[in-house]
Amino acid sequence: MRSDAYTITFTMIVAIILGLGLSTTADNLRERQNLNVELDIKKNILSVLGFEQNANSTNEDIQNMYDKNISEIIINSTGEIIEDNNVSSEDTYKIYQSRDGSKVTGYAIPIAGKGLWGTMYGYFAIEPDVATAKGITFYKHKETPGLGAEVDKDWFKNNFVGKKFIDDNGMLVSIQVIKGFVSENDPDSKYKVDGISGATITGSGLTTFLKADLQKYEPYFARIRKLNQIESL
């Protein structure tokens, strides 16, 4: 009986010790994973806004570059900047503003929506005129390799650079991913980009959610465009 009791007690003690050890390790790894995710987000924001990084850049280098060049702005659904961190995230949107000294050099907003196989996540960068695309990037998706997965390739992302998402009347039209190639004779070519062969659904999904996400930020950017017009007079 004593032997059985001893075995059971010993087993329980070992199990408790191992459980605590695994729990502590998991917590430590979770914290590290969260830091890595946060750093990866900052890398993507810096990249889409035109800040070059190299393979030798350390985590500290990335953090310093981000802190030096990027400001985070939180707005509500009417485009007003808010300072209250207690406001529900469903009612707020974050903008990443890049600066060179006191000069604004661009903005980036998060974008996300359905592709063919799942949700696509990325960032859309905007020039200081808040009417022209500065860049686009995707950091997570489930699209088919060689087809829809081409969204994260340079040849596709570069198509967006310089495209307009505001028309000549100041209205949001976004940017359309078309099937095939954009014709130079198309009067609306500045609002369109070449599609990906065999990935029509991915392109249509991107067209839809990009406009929807831009619409959320339009009240804020419309104010900036108006201010830019006044300053240019």
Protein backbone atom coordinates (compact mmCIF):
# COMPACT_ATOMS: atom_id res chain seq x y z
CA MET A 1 0.00 0.00 0.00
CA ARG A 2 2.82 2.36 0.94
CA SER A 3 4.54 1.62 -2.34
CA ASP A 4 1.36 2.37 -4.28
CA ALA A 5 0.74 5.60 -2.34
CA TYR A 6 4.33 6.67 -2.86
CA THR A 7 4.12 6.01 -6.61
CA ILE A 8 0.86 7.94 -6.92
CA THR A 9 2.17 10.87 -4.88
CA PHE A 10 5.44 10.97 -6.80
CA THR A 11 3.61 10.86 -10.12
CA MET A 12 1.31 13.69 -9.07
CA ILE A 13 4.22 15.87 -7.95
CA VAL A 14 6.10 15.26 -11.21
CA ALA A 15 2.96 15.99 -13.22
CA ILE A 16 2.41 19.27 -11.34
CA ILE A 17 6.03 20.35 -11.81
CA LEU A 18 5.96 19.49 -15.51
CA GLY A 19 2.61 21.25 -15.92
CA LEU A 20 3.92 24.42 -14.31
CA GLY A 21 7.03 24.24 -16.45
CA LEU A 22 5.06 23.84 -19.66
CA SER A 23 2.71 26.65 -18.66
CA THR A 24 5.62 29.01 -17.96
CA THR A 25 7.32 28.08 -21.21
CA ALA A 26 4.10 28.60 -23.17
CA ASP A 27 3.60 32.04 -21.61
CA ASN A 28 7.16 33.05 -22.45
CA LEU A 29 6.83 31.78 -26.01
CA ARG A 30 3.47 33.53 -26.41
CA GLU A 31 5.01 36.83 -25.37
CA ARG A 32 7.85 36.33 -27.84
CA GLN A 33 5.42 35.34 -30.58
CA ASN A 34 3.33 38.45 -29.95
CA LEU A 35 6.45 40.61 -30.17
CA ASN A 36 7.43 38.93 -33.44
CA VAL A 37 3.95 39.52 -34.87
CA GLU A 38 4.07 43.17 -33.84
CA LEU A 39 7.52 43.57 -35.38
CA ASP A 40 6.39 41.89 -38.62
CA ILE A 41 3.47 44.34 -38.84
CA LYS A 42 5.88 47.25 -38.48
CA LYS A 43 8.13 45.79 -41.17
CA ASN A 44 5.18 45.63 -43.57
CA ILE A 45 4.09 49.18 -42.79
CA LEU A 46 7.61 50.51 -43.31
CA SER A 47 7.96 48.56 -46.55
CA VAL A 48 4.68 49.70 -48.10
CA LEU A 49 5.54 53.31 -47.22
CA GLY A 50 8.87 53.05 -49.04
CA PHE A 51 11.37 52.56 -46.21
CA GLU A 52 14.05 50.13 -47.29
CA GLN A 53 15.22 47.37 -44.98
CA ASN A 54 17.99 44.86 -45.51
CA ALA A 55 18.77 41.37 -44.34
CA ASN A 56 21.15 42.74 -41.73
CA SER A 57 18.52 44.93 -40.05
CA THR A 58 18.08 43.88 -36.43
CA ASN A 59 14.83 44.02 -34.49
CA GLU A 60 16.15 47.13 -32.80
CA ASP A 61 16.92 48.72 -36.18
CA ILE A 62 13.35 48.07 -37.34
CA GLN A 63 11.87 49.46 -34.13
CA ASN A 64 14.04 52.59 -34.29
CA MET A 65 13.15 53.16 -37.95
CA TYR A 66 9.47 52.80 -37.14
CA ASP A 67 9.60 55.12 -34.12
CA LYS A 68 11.53 57.75 -36.07
CA ASN A 69 9.34 57.81 -39.19
CA ILE A 70 5.86 56.53 -38.37
CA SER A 71 3.08 58.14 -36.35
CA GLU A 72 -0.12 56.26 -35.49
CA ILE A 73 -3.38 58.16 -35.82
CA ILE A 74 -6.71 56.85 -34.55
CA ILE A 75 -9.92 58.21 -36.07
CA ASN A 76 -13.61 57.55 -35.59
CA SER A 77 -16.21 56.82 -38.25
CA THR A 78 -16.66 60.53 -39.01
CA GLY A 79 -12.96 61.06 -39.63
CA GLU A 80 -12.18 62.87 -36.41
CA ILE A 81 -8.92 62.15 -34.60
CA ILE A 82 -9.56 60.73 -31.14
CA GLU A 83 -7.37 60.29 -28.12
CA ASP A 84 -9.67 58.12 -25.99
CA ASN A 85 -8.18 54.61 -25.96
CA ASN A 86 -11.31 53.27 -24.27
CA VAL A 87 -13.43 53.72 -27.39
CA SER A 88 -14.51 50.40 -28.94
CA SER A 89 -12.18 49.21 -31.69
CA GLU A 90 -15.26 48.65 -33.86
CA ASP A 91 -15.79 52.41 -33.89
CA THR A 92 -12.20 53.38 -34.64
CA TYR A 93 -9.69 53.02 -37.45
CA LYS A 94 -5.90 53.32 -37.35
CA ILE A 95 -3.80 55.24 -39.85
CA TYR A 96 -0.02 55.02 -40.11
CA GLN A 97 1.46 58.35 -41.18
CA SER A 98 5.04 58.65 -42.42
CA ARG A 99 7.05 61.85 -42.12
CA ASP A 100 10.37 63.30 -43.16
CA GLY A 101 10.89 65.84 -40.43
CA SER A 102 7.72 67.96 -40.43
CA LYS A 103 6.73 66.91 -43.96
CA VAL A 104 4.12 64.18 -44.42
CA THR A 105 5.35 61.63 -46.96
CA GLY A 106 2.47 59.16 -46.96
CA TYR A 107 -0.20 57.19 -45.16
CA ALA A 108 -0.88 53.48 -44.76
CA ILE A 109 -4.12 51.78 -43.80
CA PRO A 110 -4.84 48.12 -43.04
CA ILE A 111 -6.92 46.27 -45.62
CA ALA A 112 -8.56 42.85 -45.37
CA GLY A 113 -11.20 40.84 -47.16
CA LYS A 114 -12.17 37.61 -48.83
CA GLY A 115 -10.15 36.17 -51.67
CA LEU A 116 -10.82 32.74 -53.15
CA TRP A 117 -9.89 30.51 -50.20
CA GLY A 118 -9.90 32.82 -47.22
CA THR A 119 -9.26 36.28 -45.85
CA MET A 120 -6.42 38.31 -47.30
CA TYR A 121 -4.59 40.76 -45.01
CA GLY A 122 -2.38 43.64 -46.07
CA TYR A 123 -1.69 47.37 -46.11
CA PHE A 124 -2.47 50.04 -48.68
CA ALA A 125 -0.18 53.06 -48.85
CA ILE A 126 -1.30 56.49 -49.99
CA GLU A 127 0.62 59.51 -51.26
CA PRO A 128 0.39 62.83 -49.36
CA ASP A 129 -2.25 64.06 -51.87
CA VAL A 130 -4.52 61.29 -50.44
CA ALA A 131 -5.75 60.53 -53.95
CA THR A 132 -2.89 58.41 -55.31
CA ALA A 133 -1.69 54.93 -54.40
CA LYS A 134 1.83 54.77 -53.01
CA GLY A 135 1.91 50.97 -52.71
CA ILE A 136 0.18 47.83 -51.52
CA THR A 137 1.36 44.73 -49.70
CA PHE A 138 -0.09 41.49 -48.39
CA TYR A 139 1.34 39.61 -45.43
CA LYS A 140 -1.22 36.83 -44.97
CA HIS A 141 -3.50 34.96 -47.36
CA LYS A 142 -4.55 31.48 -48.47
CA GLU A 143 -4.60 32.04 -52.22
CA THR A 144 -3.41 29.41 -54.69
CA PRO A 145 0.37 29.38 -55.36
CA GLY A 146 1.11 30.54 -58.89
CA LEU A 147 -2.38 32.04 -59.24
CA GLY A 148 -4.05 34.17 -56.56
CA ALA A 149 -0.90 34.04 -54.42
CA GLU A 150 0.70 36.36 -56.98
CA VAL A 151 -0.89 39.24 -55.02
CA ASP A 152 2.23 39.36 -52.84
CA LYS A 153 4.63 39.41 -55.80
CA ASP A 154 6.35 42.65 -56.81
CA TRP A 155 5.08 42.57 -60.41
CA PHE A 156 1.50 42.73 -59.17
CA LYS A 157 2.03 45.14 -56.28
CA ASN A 158 3.94 47.57 -58.51
CA ASN A 159 0.85 47.90 -60.73
CA PHE A 160 -0.81 49.94 -57.98
CA VAL A 161 1.92 52.56 -57.62
CA GLY A 162 0.73 55.88 -59.04
CA LYS A 163 -2.85 54.73 -59.65
CA LYS A 164 -5.67 57.06 -58.62
CA PHE A 165 -8.51 56.09 -56.31
CA ILE A 166 -10.20 59.51 -56.30
CA ASP A 167 -11.75 60.78 -59.55
CA ASP A 168 -11.53 64.28 -61.02
CA ASN A 169 -14.68 65.28 -59.13
CA GLY A 170 -13.16 64.34 -55.79
CA MET A 171 -15.22 61.16 -55.43
CA LEU A 172 -13.88 57.84 -54.17
CA VAL A 173 -13.80 55.29 -56.99
CA SER A 174 -11.03 53.06 -55.59
CA ILE A 175 -8.84 50.89 -57.84
CA GLN A 176 -10.22 48.00 -59.87
CA VAL A 177 -8.35 44.78 -60.56
CA ILE A 178 -9.60 43.87 -64.02
CA LYS A 179 -9.56 40.63 -65.95
CA GLY A 180 -6.68 40.83 -68.40
CA PHE A 181 -4.63 43.94 -69.09
CA VAL A 182 -5.45 47.62 -68.76
CA SER A 183 -5.66 49.31 -72.14
CA GLU A 184 -3.75 52.56 -72.61
CA ASN A 185 -6.75 53.83 -74.56
CA ASP A 186 -9.09 53.30 -71.63
CA PRO A 187 -10.01 56.75 -70.23
CA ASP A 188 -10.35 55.16 -66.79
CA SER A 189 -7.02 53.32 -66.92
CA LYS A 190 -5.64 55.39 -64.03
CA TYR A 191 -8.19 53.67 -61.77
CA LYS A 192 -7.42 50.12 -62.95
CA VAL A 193 -4.64 47.53 -62.67
CA ASP A 194 -3.85 44.35 -64.59
CA GLY A 195 -5.43 41.22 -63.18
CA ILE A 196 -3.79 37.89 -62.43
CA SER A 197 -4.34 35.21 -65.05
CA GLY A 198 -6.51 32.43 -63.64
CA ALA A 199 -7.30 34.34 -60.44
CA THR A 200 -10.42 36.31 -61.30
CA ILE A 201 -12.09 35.65 -57.94
CA THR A 202 -9.01 36.82 -56.04
CA GLY A 203 -8.93 40.04 -58.09
CA SER A 204 -12.65 40.65 -57.66
CA GLY A 205 -12.36 40.12 -53.93
CA LEU A 206 -9.48 42.59 -53.71
CA THR A 207 -11.43 45.15 -55.73
CA THR A 208 -14.39 44.83 -53.37
CA PHE A 209 -12.66 44.99 -50.02
CA LEU A 210 -10.15 47.67 -51.03
CA LYS A 211 -12.99 50.06 -51.84
CA ALA A 212 -14.85 49.11 -48.66
CA ASP A 213 -11.77 49.77 -46.52
CA LEU A 214 -10.97 53.06 -48.27
CA GLN A 215 -14.55 54.14 -47.64
CA LYS A 216 -14.00 53.84 -43.87
CA TYR A 217 -11.13 56.33 -44.04
CA GLU A 218 -12.64 58.66 -46.66
CA PRO A 219 -14.09 61.19 -44.15
CA TYR A 220 -10.59 61.79 -42.77
CA PHE A 221 -8.80 61.87 -46.12
CA ALA A 222 -11.49 64.12 -47.65
CA ARG A 223 -10.67 66.72 -44.99
CA ILE A 224 -6.96 66.52 -45.85
CA ARG A 225 -7.67 66.96 -49.57
CA LYS A 226 -9.76 70.02 -48.78
CA LEU A 227 -6.99 71.42 -46.60
CA ASN A 228 -4.42 70.75 -49.35
CA GLN A 229 -6.59 72.64 -51.83
CA ILE A 230 -6.85 75.62 -49.50
CA GLU A 231 -3.09 75.66 -48.90
CA SER A 232 -2.40 75.53 -52.65
CA LEU A 233 -4.50 78.63 -53.37
